[in-house]
Amino acid sequence: MKNIFLIASLLLSFNYSFANQLNLEESEIYNALIRCSDAEYYDGSLKNINKSFYSNNEVYISKKDELKNLKIKKTSFDDIYVKAYSEFYELNPPPDLPTFENFDKFNFQDYKKLKDEYEDMKKSELEPYNIEKNKLKKEIKNLEKEMVKIARDLTYLIVTKMSMKEKISNIPNYVNNFEQCENSFNLTPRAFILKWGDEYFEKS
């Protein structure tokens, strides 16, 4: 643990030449680096977010149950969908292409006319199933996005209120992420402060 805090203290040794060039206080750079480091855990990939930050939340649990039921509903409907398509093709086989033997009575123009009529009939019969299937897929996708947002919002509320000591102790790879943010600052300090600095967050 001592080594971790030693690394953290070394990471907090900022590049003062950049601070002087940008006319920044050391505290503003420090705050910007913390914001950048914290963001990985509420704005990055969900796999980087500690599940304990959101998994026991009542709203999240409710959405999780809703998603489970919605997926069960979609699975059941998929069976109905497949059955409907199978029955349609069994009762309504598509028109055959013209052959050499019947070409004088049934040419490609005749085939195209029948094919268009067939496609219209198929759409009329099966489109409601396609609409319902796409509706369920969209509902699942939207709910999954909503759950990710809930997880990130809850994580944000927790992480941003934690002390640096708590973050280093409880969040995996936090020091490594802090170091990456510091490297980003050293590489493009102006752009970094525009994104993470006090003035930007006061206006947000």
C-alpha atoms as a PDB file:
ATOM      1  CA  MET A   1       0.000   0.000   0.000  1.00  0.00           C
ATOM      2  CA  LYS A   2       2.905   2.377   0.788  1.00  0.00           C
ATOM      3  CA  ASN A   3       4.211   1.859  -2.731  1.00  0.00           C
ATOM      4  CA  ILE A   4       0.825   2.819  -4.184  1.00  0.00           C
ATOM      5  CA  PHE A   5       0.724   6.077  -2.246  1.00  0.00           C
ATOM      6  CA  LEU A   6       4.341   6.768  -3.185  1.00  0.00           C
ATOM      7  CA  ILE A   7       3.446   6.350  -6.864  1.00  0.00           C
ATOM      8  CA  ALA A   8       0.415   8.574  -6.421  1.00  0.00           C
ATOM      9  CA  SER A   9       2.474  11.286  -4.764  1.00  0.00           C
ATOM     10  CA  LEU A  10       4.977  11.162  -7.613  1.00  0.00           C
ATOM     11  CA  LEU A  11       2.168  11.467 -10.139  1.00  0.00           C
ATOM     12  CA  LEU A  12       1.022  14.645  -8.412  1.00  0.00           C
ATOM     13  CA  SER A  13       4.351  16.324  -9.201  1.00  0.00           C
ATOM     14  CA  PHE A  14       3.004  18.448 -12.053  1.00  0.00           C
ATOM     15  CA  ASN A  15       4.832  20.012 -14.929  1.00  0.00           C
ATOM     16  CA  TYR A  16       5.129  23.624 -13.658  1.00  0.00           C
ATOM     17  CA  SER A  17       6.393  24.991 -16.971  1.00  0.00           C
ATOM     18  CA  PHE A  18       3.040  24.127 -18.562  1.00  0.00           C
ATOM     19  CA  ALA A  19       1.232  25.702 -15.639  1.00  0.00           C
ATOM     20  CA  ASN A  20       3.205  28.920 -16.058  1.00  0.00           C
ATOM     21  CA  GLN A  21       2.647  28.992 -19.825  1.00  0.00           C
ATOM     22  CA  LEU A  22      -1.091  28.580 -19.368  1.00  0.00           C
ATOM     23  CA  ASN A  23      -1.242  30.896 -16.346  1.00  0.00           C
ATOM     24  CA  LEU A  24      -2.837  28.127 -14.302  1.00  0.00           C
ATOM     25  CA  GLU A  25      -2.874  27.418 -10.600  1.00  0.00           C
ATOM     26  CA  GLU A  26      -1.490  24.053  -9.502  1.00  0.00           C
ATOM     27  CA  SER A  27      -4.894  23.278  -7.952  1.00  0.00           C
ATOM     28  CA  GLU A  28      -6.667  23.718 -11.280  1.00  0.00           C
ATOM     29  CA  ILE A  29      -4.351  21.229 -12.976  1.00  0.00           C
ATOM     30  CA  TYR A  30      -4.845  18.851 -10.076  1.00  0.00           C
ATOM     31  CA  ASN A  31      -8.637  19.166 -10.340  1.00  0.00           C
ATOM     32  CA  ALA A  32      -8.479  18.631 -14.110  1.00  0.00           C
ATOM     33  CA  LEU A  33      -6.389  15.493 -13.715  1.00  0.00           C
ATOM     34  CA  ILE A  34      -8.820  14.099 -11.154  1.00  0.00           C
ATOM     35  CA  ARG A  35     -11.786  14.789 -13.452  1.00  0.00           C
ATOM     36  CA  CYS A  36     -10.011  13.047 -16.304  1.00  0.00           C
ATOM     37  CA  SER A  37      -9.137  10.056 -14.098  1.00  0.00           C
ATOM     38  CA  ASP A  38     -12.623   9.797 -12.628  1.00  0.00           C
ATOM     39  CA  ALA A  39     -14.299   9.944 -16.046  1.00  0.00           C
ATOM     40  CA  GLU A  40     -12.898   6.559 -17.050  1.00  0.00           C
ATOM     41  CA  TYR A  41     -15.063   4.976 -14.372  1.00  0.00           C
ATOM     42  CA  TYR A  42     -18.368   6.645 -15.212  1.00  0.00           C
ATOM     43  CA  ASP A  43     -17.997   7.684 -18.856  1.00  0.00           C
ATOM     44  CA  GLY A  44     -15.860   4.926 -20.327  1.00  0.00           C
ATOM     45  CA  SER A  45     -16.569   1.277 -20.959  1.00  0.00           C
ATOM     46  CA  LEU A  46     -19.081  -0.271 -18.561  1.00  0.00           C
ATOM     47  CA  LYS A  47     -16.626  -3.088 -17.869  1.00  0.00           C
ATOM     48  CA  ASN A  48     -14.402  -0.539 -16.092  1.00  0.00           C
ATOM     49  CA  ILE A  49     -17.177   0.428 -13.687  1.00  0.00           C
ATOM     50  CA  ASN A  50     -17.293  -1.327 -10.328  1.00  0.00           C
ATOM     51  CA  LYS A  51     -20.641  -3.141 -10.236  1.00  0.00           C
ATOM     52  CA  SER A  52     -20.994  -2.501  -6.521  1.00  0.00           C
ATOM     53  CA  PHE A  53     -21.482   1.198  -7.340  1.00  0.00           C
ATOM     54  CA  TYR A  54     -24.832   0.538  -9.044  1.00  0.00           C
ATOM     55  CA  SER A  55     -25.924  -3.115  -8.910  1.00  0.00           C
ATOM     56  CA  ASN A  56     -27.856  -2.774  -5.620  1.00  0.00           C
ATOM     57  CA  ASN A  57     -29.662   0.400  -6.608  1.00  0.00           C
ATOM     58  CA  GLU A  58     -33.465  -0.046  -6.651  1.00  0.00           C
ATOM     59  CA  VAL A  59     -33.935   1.747  -9.971  1.00  0.00           C
ATOM     60  CA  TYR A  60     -31.188  -0.288 -11.614  1.00  0.00           C
ATOM     61  CA  ILE A  61     -32.595  -3.553 -10.222  1.00  0.00           C
ATOM     62  CA  SER A  62     -36.049  -2.607 -11.515  1.00  0.00           C
ATOM     63  CA  LYS A  63     -34.655  -1.931 -14.998  1.00  0.00           C
ATOM     64  CA  LYS A  64     -32.700  -5.171 -14.882  1.00  0.00           C
ATOM     65  CA  ASP A  65     -35.887  -7.125 -14.132  1.00  0.00           C
ATOM     66  CA  GLU A  66     -37.697  -5.234 -16.882  1.00  0.00           C
ATOM     67  CA  LEU A  67     -34.950  -6.146 -19.349  1.00  0.00           C
ATOM     68  CA  LYS A  68     -35.095  -9.799 -18.316  1.00  0.00           C
ATOM     69  CA  ASN A  69     -38.860  -9.932 -18.898  1.00  0.00           C
ATOM     70  CA  LEU A  70     -38.520  -8.115 -22.202  1.00  0.00           C
ATOM     71  CA  LYS A  71     -35.943 -10.630 -23.424  1.00  0.00           C
ATOM     72  CA  ILE A  72     -38.220 -13.501 -22.387  1.00  0.00           C
ATOM     73  CA  LYS A  73     -41.045 -11.845 -24.320  1.00  0.00           C
ATOM     74  CA  LYS A  74     -38.824 -11.486 -27.397  1.00  0.00           C
ATOM     75  CA  THR A  75     -37.719 -15.125 -27.191  1.00  0.00           C
ATOM     76  CA  SER A  76     -41.344 -16.230 -27.102  1.00  0.00           C
ATOM     77  CA  PHE A  77     -42.206 -13.969 -29.998  1.00  0.00           C
ATOM     78  CA  ASP A  78     -39.248 -15.287 -32.018  1.00  0.00           C
ATOM     79  CA  ASP A  79     -40.925 -18.707 -31.929  1.00  0.00           C
ATOM     80  CA  ILE A  80     -44.188 -17.169 -33.155  1.00  0.00           C
ATOM     81  CA  TYR A  81     -42.263 -15.283 -35.847  1.00  0.00           C
ATOM     82  CA  VAL A  82     -40.533 -18.408 -37.168  1.00  0.00           C
ATOM     83  CA  LYS A  83     -43.784 -20.372 -37.108  1.00  0.00           C
ATOM     84  CA  ALA A  84     -45.639 -17.645 -39.022  1.00  0.00           C
ATOM     85  CA  TYR A  85     -42.965 -17.554 -41.727  1.00  0.00           C
ATOM     86  CA  SER A  86     -42.886 -21.342 -42.001  1.00  0.00           C
ATOM     87  CA  GLU A  87     -46.648 -21.577 -42.339  1.00  0.00           C
ATOM     88  CA  PHE A  88     -46.748 -18.814 -44.926  1.00  0.00           C
ATOM     89  CA  TYR A  89     -44.148 -20.450 -47.159  1.00  0.00           C
ATOM     90  CA  GLU A  90     -45.813 -23.836 -46.721  1.00  0.00           C
ATOM     91  CA  LEU A  91     -49.214 -22.485 -47.805  1.00  0.00           C
ATOM     92  CA  ASN A  92     -47.868 -19.984 -50.305  1.00  0.00           C
ATOM     93  CA  PRO A  93     -44.822 -21.279 -52.183  1.00  0.00           C
ATOM     94  CA  PRO A  94     -43.128 -18.634 -54.334  1.00  0.00           C
ATOM     95  CA  PRO A  95     -43.729 -18.740 -58.090  1.00  0.00           C
ATOM     96  CA  ASP A  96     -41.391 -20.870 -60.156  1.00  0.00           C
ATOM     97  CA  LEU A  97     -39.109 -19.426 -62.778  1.00  0.00           C
ATOM     98  CA  PRO A  98     -40.076 -20.017 -66.400  1.00  0.00           C
ATOM     99  CA  THR A  99     -38.564 -23.063 -68.024  1.00  0.00           C
ATOM    100  CA  PHE A 100     -37.627 -23.887 -71.584  1.00  0.00           C
ATOM    101  CA  GLU A 101     -40.662 -26.137 -71.874  1.00  0.00           C
ATOM    102  CA  ASN A 102     -43.237 -23.501 -70.818  1.00  0.00           C
ATOM    103  CA  PHE A 103     -41.501 -20.335 -71.946  1.00  0.00           C
ATOM    104  CA  ASP A 104     -43.955 -19.777 -74.792  1.00  0.00           C
ATOM    105  CA  LYS A 105     -46.801 -19.575 -72.250  1.00  0.00           C
ATOM    106  CA  PHE A 106     -44.914 -18.216 -69.201  1.00  0.00           C
ATOM    107  CA  ASN A 107     -41.994 -15.855 -69.814  1.00  0.00           C
ATOM    108  CA  PHE A 108     -39.902 -13.661 -67.490  1.00  0.00           C
ATOM    109  CA  GLN A 109     -42.342 -10.775 -67.720  1.00  0.00           C
ATOM    110  CA  ASP A 110     -45.121 -13.077 -66.532  1.00  0.00           C
ATOM    111  CA  TYR A 111     -42.858 -14.334 -63.755  1.00  0.00           C
ATOM    112  CA  LYS A 112     -42.008 -10.803 -62.620  1.00  0.00           C
ATOM    113  CA  LYS A 113     -45.690  -9.916 -62.397  1.00  0.00           C
ATOM    114  CA  LEU A 114     -46.425 -12.986 -60.264  1.00  0.00           C
ATOM    115  CA  LYS A 115     -43.316 -12.376 -58.162  1.00  0.00           C
ATOM    116  CA  ASP A 116     -44.376  -8.782 -57.421  1.00  0.00           C
ATOM    117  CA  GLU A 117     -47.864  -9.944 -56.450  1.00  0.00           C
ATOM    118  CA  TYR A 118     -46.331 -12.634 -54.263  1.00  0.00           C
ATOM    119  CA  GLU A 119     -44.058 -10.151 -52.494  1.00  0.00           C
ATOM    120  CA  ASP A 120     -47.010  -7.824 -51.877  1.00  0.00           C
ATOM    121  CA  MET A 121     -48.983 -10.686 -50.350  1.00  0.00           C
ATOM    122  CA  LYS A 122     -46.017 -11.763 -48.219  1.00  0.00           C
ATOM    123  CA  LYS A 123     -45.535  -8.231 -46.942  1.00  0.00           C
ATOM    124  CA  SER A 124     -49.217  -7.917 -46.112  1.00  0.00           C
ATOM    125  CA  GLU A 125     -49.196 -11.207 -44.211  1.00  0.00           C
ATOM    126  CA  LEU A 126     -45.836 -10.996 -42.445  1.00  0.00           C
ATOM    127  CA  GLU A 127     -45.125  -7.281 -42.014  1.00  0.00           C
ATOM    128  CA  PRO A 128     -46.968  -7.123 -38.642  1.00  0.00           C
ATOM    129  CA  TYR A 129     -44.571  -9.788 -37.343  1.00  0.00           C
ATOM    130  CA  ASN A 130     -41.562  -7.826 -38.608  1.00  0.00           C
ATOM    131  CA  ILE A 131     -42.855  -4.648 -37.001  1.00  0.00           C
ATOM    132  CA  GLU A 132     -43.361  -6.346 -33.635  1.00  0.00           C
ATOM    133  CA  LYS A 133     -39.967  -8.037 -33.773  1.00  0.00           C
ATOM    134  CA  ASN A 134     -38.185  -4.769 -34.588  1.00  0.00           C
ATOM    135  CA  LYS A 135     -40.175  -3.017 -31.866  1.00  0.00           C
ATOM    136  CA  LEU A 136     -39.020  -5.518 -29.240  1.00  0.00           C
ATOM    137  CA  LYS A 137     -35.411  -5.287 -30.441  1.00  0.00           C
ATOM    138  CA  LYS A 138     -35.547  -1.499 -30.198  1.00  0.00           C
ATOM    139  CA  GLU A 139     -37.092  -1.606 -26.719  1.00  0.00           C
ATOM    140  CA  ILE A 140     -34.335  -3.934 -25.520  1.00  0.00           C
ATOM    141  CA  LYS A 141     -31.620  -1.776 -27.047  1.00  0.00           C
ATOM    142  CA  ASN A 142     -33.058   1.412 -25.527  1.00  0.00           C
ATOM    143  CA  LEU A 143     -33.428  -0.207 -22.116  1.00  0.00           C
ATOM    144  CA  GLU A 144     -29.849  -1.454 -22.204  1.00  0.00           C
ATOM    145  CA  LYS A 145     -28.689   2.083 -23.025  1.00  0.00           C
ATOM    146  CA  GLU A 146     -30.794   3.430 -20.171  1.00  0.00           C
ATOM    147  CA  MET A 147     -29.227   0.934 -17.771  1.00  0.00           C
ATOM    148  CA  VAL A 148     -25.733   1.954 -18.854  1.00  0.00           C
ATOM    149  CA  LYS A 149     -26.642   5.590 -18.219  1.00  0.00           C
ATOM    150  CA  ILE A 150     -28.013   4.741 -14.776  1.00  0.00           C
ATOM    151  CA  ALA A 151     -24.837   2.805 -13.941  1.00  0.00           C
ATOM    152  CA  ARG A 152     -22.656   5.701 -15.080  1.00  0.00           C
ATOM    153  CA  ASP A 153     -24.715   8.335 -13.250  1.00  0.00           C
ATOM    154  CA  LEU A 154     -24.650   6.375  -9.997  1.00  0.00           C
ATOM    155  CA  THR A 155     -20.923   5.734 -10.360  1.00  0.00           C
ATOM    156  CA  TYR A 156     -20.320   9.421 -11.033  1.00  0.00           C
ATOM    157  CA  LEU A 157     -22.113  10.384  -7.800  1.00  0.00           C
ATOM    158  CA  ILE A 158     -19.970   7.958  -5.815  1.00  0.00           C
ATOM    159  CA  VAL A 159     -16.574   8.368  -7.456  1.00  0.00           C
ATOM    160  CA  THR A 160     -16.590  12.173  -7.521  1.00  0.00           C
ATOM    161  CA  LYS A 161     -17.286  12.263  -3.772  1.00  0.00           C
ATOM    162  CA  MET A 162     -14.503   9.834  -2.856  1.00  0.00           C
ATOM    163  CA  SER A 163     -11.205  11.093  -1.512  1.00  0.00           C
ATOM    164  CA  MET A 164      -8.022  10.367  -3.440  1.00  0.00           C
ATOM    165  CA  LYS A 165      -7.076   7.834  -0.776  1.00  0.00           C
ATOM    166  CA  GLU A 166     -10.410   6.023  -1.198  1.00  0.00           C
ATOM    167  CA  LYS A 167     -10.065   5.996  -4.984  1.00  0.00           C
ATOM    168  CA  ILE A 168      -6.568   4.532  -4.859  1.00  0.00           C
ATOM    169  CA  SER A 169      -7.653   1.919  -2.319  1.00  0.00           C
ATOM    170  CA  ASN A 170     -10.986   0.907  -3.874  1.00  0.00           C
ATOM    171  CA  ILE A 171     -10.790   1.506  -7.631  1.00  0.00           C
ATOM    172  CA  PRO A 172      -8.598  -0.887  -9.635  1.00  0.00           C
ATOM    173  CA  ASN A 173      -5.944   0.768 -11.809  1.00  0.00           C
ATOM    174  CA  TYR A 174      -6.893   4.261 -10.648  1.00  0.00           C
ATOM    175  CA  VAL A 175      -3.235   5.280 -10.320  1.00  0.00           C
ATOM    176  CA  ASN A 176      -2.478   3.971 -13.814  1.00  0.00           C
ATOM    177  CA  ASN A 177      -5.387   5.916 -15.195  1.00  0.00           C
ATOM    178  CA  PHE A 178      -4.245   9.052 -13.369  1.00  0.00           C
ATOM    179  CA  GLU A 179      -0.826   8.615 -14.954  1.00  0.00           C
ATOM    180  CA  GLN A 180      -2.391   8.344 -18.434  1.00  0.00           C
ATOM    181  CA  CYS A 181      -4.270  11.586 -17.812  1.00  0.00           C
ATOM    182  CA  GLU A 182      -1.074  13.275 -16.670  1.00  0.00           C
ATOM    183  CA  ASN A 183       0.678  12.094 -19.847  1.00  0.00           C
ATOM    184  CA  SER A 184      -2.206  13.465 -21.893  1.00  0.00           C
ATOM    185  CA  PHE A 185      -1.871  16.801 -20.101  1.00  0.00           C
ATOM    186  CA  ASN A 186       1.872  16.935 -20.706  1.00  0.00           C
ATOM    187  CA  LEU A 187       1.364  16.104 -24.396  1.00  0.00           C
ATOM    188  CA  THR A 188      -1.397  18.651 -25.141  1.00  0.00           C
ATOM    189  CA  PRO A 189      -1.847  20.840 -22.042  1.00  0.00           C
ATOM    190  CA  ARG A 190      -4.085  23.491 -23.630  1.00  0.00           C
ATOM    191  CA  ALA A 191      -6.509  20.988 -25.122  1.00  0.00           C
ATOM    192  CA  PHE A 192      -6.513  19.037 -21.868  1.00  0.00           C
ATOM    193  CA  ILE A 193      -7.431  22.083 -19.779  1.00  0.00           C
ATOM    194  CA  LEU A 194     -10.097  23.110 -22.288  1.00  0.00           C
ATOM    195  CA  LYS A 195     -11.737  19.738 -21.736  1.00  0.00           C
ATOM    196  CA  TRP A 196     -11.149  19.160 -18.030  1.00  0.00           C
ATOM    197  CA  GLY A 197     -10.343  22.575 -16.561  1.00  0.00           C
ATOM    198  CA  ASP A 198     -12.352  24.501 -13.946  1.00  0.00           C
ATOM    199  CA  GLU A 199     -13.715  27.069 -16.424  1.00  0.00           C
ATOM    200  CA  TYR A 200     -15.151  24.385 -18.715  1.00  0.00           C
ATOM    201  CA  PHE A 201     -16.874  22.539 -15.868  1.00  0.00           C
ATOM    202  CA  GLU A 202     -18.233  25.753 -14.355  1.00  0.00           C
ATOM    203  CA  LYS A 203     -19.971  26.478 -17.694  1.00  0.00           C
ATOM    204  CA  SER A 204     -21.255  22.902 -18.132  1.00  0.00           C
END
